C-alpha atoms as a PDB file:
ATOM      1  CA  MET A   1       3.514  -4.416 -39.257  1.00  0.00           C
ATOM      2  CA  SER A   2       0.353  -6.474 -39.138  1.00  0.00           C
ATOM      3  CA  GLY A   3      -2.816  -5.100 -37.569  1.00  0.00           C
ATOM      4  CA  LEU A   4      -2.571  -7.583 -34.720  1.00  0.00           C
ATOM      5  CA  ASN A   5       1.049  -6.751 -33.951  1.00  0.00           C
ATOM      6  CA  LYS A   6       0.263  -3.025 -34.055  1.00  0.00           C
ATOM      7  CA  SER A   7      -2.683  -3.554 -31.651  1.00  0.00           C
ATOM      8  CA  VAL A   8      -0.463  -5.487 -29.254  1.00  0.00           C
ATOM      9  CA  LEU A   9       2.162  -2.767 -29.378  1.00  0.00           C
ATOM     10  CA  ILE A  10      -0.413  -0.038 -28.664  1.00  0.00           C
ATOM     11  CA  LEU A  11      -1.974  -1.996 -25.806  1.00  0.00           C
ATOM     12  CA  THR A  12       1.451  -2.704 -24.331  1.00  0.00           C
ATOM     13  CA  ALA A  13       2.400   0.957 -24.515  1.00  0.00           C
ATOM     14  CA  ALA A  14      -0.912   1.996 -22.983  1.00  0.00           C
ATOM     15  CA  CYS A  15      -0.441  -0.385 -20.071  1.00  0.00           C
ATOM     16  CA  LEU A  16       3.202   0.598 -19.441  1.00  0.00           C
ATOM     17  CA  ALA A  17       2.730   4.355 -19.781  1.00  0.00           C
ATOM     18  CA  PRO A  18       1.249   4.855 -16.322  1.00  0.00           C
ATOM     19  CA  LEU A  19       4.138   2.858 -14.829  1.00  0.00           C
ATOM     20  CA  ALA A  20       6.710   5.009 -16.572  1.00  0.00           C
ATOM     21  CA  ILE A  21       4.951   8.172 -15.453  1.00  0.00           C
ATOM     22  CA  ALA A  22       4.742   6.950 -11.881  1.00  0.00           C
ATOM     23  CA  ALA A  23       8.368   5.842 -11.893  1.00  0.00           C
ATOM     24  CA  GLY A  24       9.492   9.342 -12.899  1.00  0.00           C
ATOM     25  CA  ASP A  25       7.285  11.219 -10.403  1.00  0.00           C
ATOM     26  CA  PRO A  26       7.714  10.287  -6.723  1.00  0.00           C
ATOM     27  CA  ALA A  27       4.378  11.915  -5.784  1.00  0.00           C
ATOM     28  CA  GLU A  28       2.517   9.861  -8.341  1.00  0.00           C
ATOM     29  CA  GLU A  29       4.356   6.634  -7.529  1.00  0.00           C
ATOM     30  CA  ARG A  30       3.756   6.960  -3.774  1.00  0.00           C
ATOM     31  CA  HIS A  31       0.106   7.764  -4.485  1.00  0.00           C
ATOM     32  CA  GLU A  32      -0.225   4.632  -6.689  1.00  0.00           C
ATOM     33  CA  ARG A  33       1.466   2.525  -4.092  1.00  0.00           C
ATOM     34  CA  MET A  34      -0.723   3.782  -1.256  1.00  0.00           C
ATOM     35  CA  GLU A  35      -3.782   3.097  -3.433  1.00  0.00           C
ATOM     36  CA  GLU A  36      -2.608  -0.492  -3.631  1.00  0.00           C
ATOM     37  CA  VAL A  37      -2.225  -0.568   0.154  1.00  0.00           C
ATOM     38  CA  GLY A  38      -5.801   0.645   0.442  1.00  0.00           C
ATOM     39  CA  ASN A  39      -7.055  -1.953  -2.028  1.00  0.00           C
ATOM     40  CA  ALA A  40      -5.289  -4.715  -0.085  1.00  0.00           C
ATOM     41  CA  ALA A  41      -6.711  -3.415   3.191  1.00  0.00           C
ATOM     42  CA  GLY A  42     -10.287  -3.656   1.963  1.00  0.00           C
ATOM     43  CA  PRO A  43     -10.727  -7.404   2.424  1.00  0.00           C
ATOM     44  CA  LEU A  44      -8.993  -7.258   5.817  1.00  0.00           C
ATOM     45  CA  GLY A  45     -11.449  -4.592   7.002  1.00  0.00           C
ATOM     46  CA  GLY A  46     -14.358  -6.620   5.597  1.00  0.00           C
ATOM     47  CA  MET A  47     -13.229  -9.673   7.551  1.00  0.00           C
ATOM     48  CA  LEU A  48     -12.778  -7.637  10.764  1.00  0.00           C
ATOM     49  CA  LYS A  49     -16.241  -6.138  10.420  1.00  0.00           C
ATOM     50  CA  GLY A  50     -17.860  -9.509   9.604  1.00  0.00           C
ATOM     51  CA  GLU A  51     -18.837  -8.312   6.171  1.00  0.00           C
ATOM     52  CA  LEU A  52     -16.602 -10.992   4.596  1.00  0.00           C
ATOM     53  CA  GLU A  53     -15.951 -14.524   5.737  1.00  0.00           C
ATOM     54  CA  PHE A  54     -12.478 -14.984   7.186  1.00  0.00           C
ATOM     55  CA  ASP A  55     -10.083 -16.384   4.618  1.00  0.00           C
ATOM     56  CA  ALA A  56      -6.513 -17.071   5.759  1.00  0.00           C
ATOM     57  CA  ALA A  57      -5.096 -17.020   2.227  1.00  0.00           C
ATOM     58  CA  VAL A  58      -6.725 -13.713   1.410  1.00  0.00           C
ATOM     59  CA  ALA A  59      -5.511 -12.253   4.711  1.00  0.00           C
ATOM     60  CA  LEU A  60      -1.915 -13.333   4.049  1.00  0.00           C
ATOM     61  CA  ALA A  61      -2.063 -12.076   0.451  1.00  0.00           C
ATOM     62  CA  SER A  62      -3.374  -8.717   1.657  1.00  0.00           C
ATOM     63  CA  PHE A  63      -0.732  -8.333   4.321  1.00  0.00           C
ATOM     64  CA  THR A  64       1.989  -9.319   1.827  1.00  0.00           C
ATOM     65  CA  THR A  65       0.733  -6.856  -0.805  1.00  0.00           C
ATOM     66  CA  MET A  66       0.692  -4.063   1.775  1.00  0.00           C
ATOM     67  CA  GLN A  67       4.227  -4.940   2.884  1.00  0.00           C
ATOM     68  CA  GLN A  68       5.519  -4.992  -0.703  1.00  0.00           C
ATOM     69  CA  GLN A  69       3.920  -1.646  -1.487  1.00  0.00           C
ATOM     70  CA  ILE A  70       5.429   0.188   1.519  1.00  0.00           C
ATOM     71  CA  ASP A  71       8.867  -1.366   1.161  1.00  0.00           C
ATOM     72  CA  GLY A  72      11.199   1.556   0.474  1.00  0.00           C
ATOM     73  CA  ILE A  73       8.317   4.005   0.157  1.00  0.00           C
ATOM     74  CA  GLY A  74      10.114   6.556   2.353  1.00  0.00           C
ATOM     75  CA  GLU A  75      12.443   7.224  -0.590  1.00  0.00           C
ATOM     76  CA  LEU A  76       9.408   8.469  -2.537  1.00  0.00           C
ATOM     77  CA  PHE A  77       9.058  11.466  -0.234  1.00  0.00           C
ATOM     78  CA  PRO A  78      12.149  13.530  -1.257  1.00  0.00           C
ATOM     79  CA  GLU A  79      12.384  17.144  -0.208  1.00  0.00           C
ATOM     80  CA  GLY A  80      10.360  19.327  -2.514  1.00  0.00           C
ATOM     81  CA  SER A  81       7.979  16.611  -3.702  1.00  0.00           C
ATOM     82  CA  TYR A  82       4.924  17.732  -1.683  1.00  0.00           C
ATOM     83  CA  VAL A  83       1.746  17.857  -3.761  1.00  0.00           C
ATOM     84  CA  ALA A  84      -1.372  19.427  -2.253  1.00  0.00           C
ATOM     85  CA  GLY A  85      -4.745  17.825  -2.584  1.00  0.00           C
ATOM     86  CA  PRO A  86      -7.088  15.163  -1.212  1.00  0.00           C
ATOM     87  CA  ASP A  87      -5.634  11.707  -1.127  1.00  0.00           C
ATOM     88  CA  ARG A  88      -2.116  13.174  -1.020  1.00  0.00           C
ATOM     89  CA  ALA A  89       0.510  13.146   1.716  1.00  0.00           C
ATOM     90  CA  THR A  90       0.300  15.961   4.241  1.00  0.00           C
ATOM     91  CA  GLN A  91       3.081  18.498   4.669  1.00  0.00           C
ATOM     92  CA  ALA A  92       3.800  16.937   8.039  1.00  0.00           C
ATOM     93  CA  VAL A  93       5.742  14.208   6.219  1.00  0.00           C
ATOM     94  CA  TRP A  94       8.390  16.820   5.389  1.00  0.00           C
ATOM     95  CA  THR A  95       8.075  19.060   8.463  1.00  0.00           C
ATOM     96  CA  GLN A  96       8.080  16.170  10.969  1.00  0.00           C
ATOM     97  CA  ARG A  97      10.127  13.683   8.972  1.00  0.00           C
ATOM     98  CA  ALA A  98      11.461  11.699  11.952  1.00  0.00           C
ATOM     99  CA  ASP A  99       7.893  11.104  13.187  1.00  0.00           C
ATOM    100  CA  PHE A 100       6.802   9.990   9.688  1.00  0.00           C
ATOM    101  CA  ASP A 101       9.783   7.648   9.331  1.00  0.00           C
ATOM    102  CA  GLN A 102       8.992   6.093  12.726  1.00  0.00           C
ATOM    103  CA  LYS A 103       5.330   5.609  11.792  1.00  0.00           C
ATOM    104  CA  MET A 104       6.307   3.907   8.567  1.00  0.00           C
ATOM    105  CA  ALA A 105       8.764   1.677  10.448  1.00  0.00           C
ATOM    106  CA  ASP A 106       6.043   0.739  12.919  1.00  0.00           C
ATOM    107  CA  PHE A 107       3.632  -0.007  10.081  1.00  0.00           C
ATOM    108  CA  ALA A 108       6.266  -2.234   8.428  1.00  0.00           C
ATOM    109  CA  THR A 109       6.874  -4.024  11.766  1.00  0.00           C
ATOM    110  CA  ALA A 110       3.113  -4.631  12.205  1.00  0.00           C
ATOM    111  CA  LEU A 111       2.926  -6.082   8.691  1.00  0.00           C
ATOM    112  CA  ASP A 112       5.986  -8.274   9.262  1.00  0.00           C
ATOM    113  CA  ALA A 113       4.374  -9.607  12.424  1.00  0.00           C
ATOM    114  CA  ALA A 114       1.047 -10.239  10.642  1.00  0.00           C
ATOM    115  CA  ILE A 115       2.812 -12.191   7.896  1.00  0.00           C
ATOM    116  CA  ALA A 116       4.923 -14.190  10.386  1.00  0.00           C
ATOM    117  CA  THR A 117       1.804 -14.969  12.465  1.00  0.00           C
ATOM    118  CA  ASN A 118      -0.144 -16.040   9.332  1.00  0.00           C
ATOM    119  CA  PRO A 119      -3.411 -16.307  11.349  1.00  0.00           C
ATOM    120  CA  GLN A 120      -5.505 -19.334  10.414  1.00  0.00           C
ATOM    121  CA  ASP A 121      -8.743 -18.373  12.161  1.00  0.00           C
ATOM    122  CA  LEU A 122     -10.734 -15.243  12.862  1.00  0.00           C
ATOM    123  CA  GLU A 123      -9.765 -15.075  16.539  1.00  0.00           C
ATOM    124  CA  ALA A 124      -6.054 -15.143  15.739  1.00  0.00           C
ATOM    125  CA  PHE A 125      -6.585 -12.726  12.855  1.00  0.00           C
ATOM    126  CA  LYS A 126      -8.382  -9.993  14.760  1.00  0.00           C
ATOM    127  CA  PRO A 127      -5.538  -8.689  16.980  1.00  0.00           C
ATOM    128  CA  VAL A 128      -3.011  -8.926  14.199  1.00  0.00           C
ATOM    129  CA  ALA A 129      -5.196  -7.051  11.723  1.00  0.00           C
ATOM    130  CA  GLN A 130      -6.169  -4.486  14.343  1.00  0.00           C
ATOM    131  CA  ASN A 131      -2.498  -3.779  14.973  1.00  0.00           C
ATOM    132  CA  VAL A 132      -1.857  -3.357  11.252  1.00  0.00           C
ATOM    133  CA  PHE A 133      -4.758  -0.940  10.939  1.00  0.00           C
ATOM    134  CA  LYS A 134      -3.713   0.995  14.058  1.00  0.00           C
ATOM    135  CA  ASN A 135      -0.252   1.550  12.568  1.00  0.00           C
ATOM    136  CA  CYS A 136      -1.642   2.247   9.104  1.00  0.00           C
ATOM    137  CA  LYS A 137      -4.029   4.878  10.426  1.00  0.00           C
ATOM    138  CA  ALA A 138      -1.272   6.606  12.456  1.00  0.00           C
ATOM    139  CA  CYS A 139      -0.430   8.559   9.344  1.00  0.00           C
ATOM    140  CA  HIS A 140      -3.907   9.716   8.462  1.00  0.00           C
END
């Protein structure tokens, strides 16, 4: 095996290893997915606060990323998968499961509405984004 091919193989394995670990561990996968939700929320919050100029394409991409990351995420909270620590799900997910499931459904609905609305200016964006954040924050 040439040095270049070996380097490509090592880099590929290094990039895929976290995905394999996350895929086998629901706590890690849900954590990674929620990190992506947080990353996508950043530009939205910046636009709401006036720290970033409104950009319709960025807003739509952020809403879409958030929606993709939470799609089916409820399955990543199986019984017995609680992990204590900061930036981790609270035990209430398991002790008040119906409430958690409803909050996740409401968050998904808010994201669906934001995507369908596809706001093209700041005034149309504000109420849509505020509704997304209201539903997102319902779990924290």
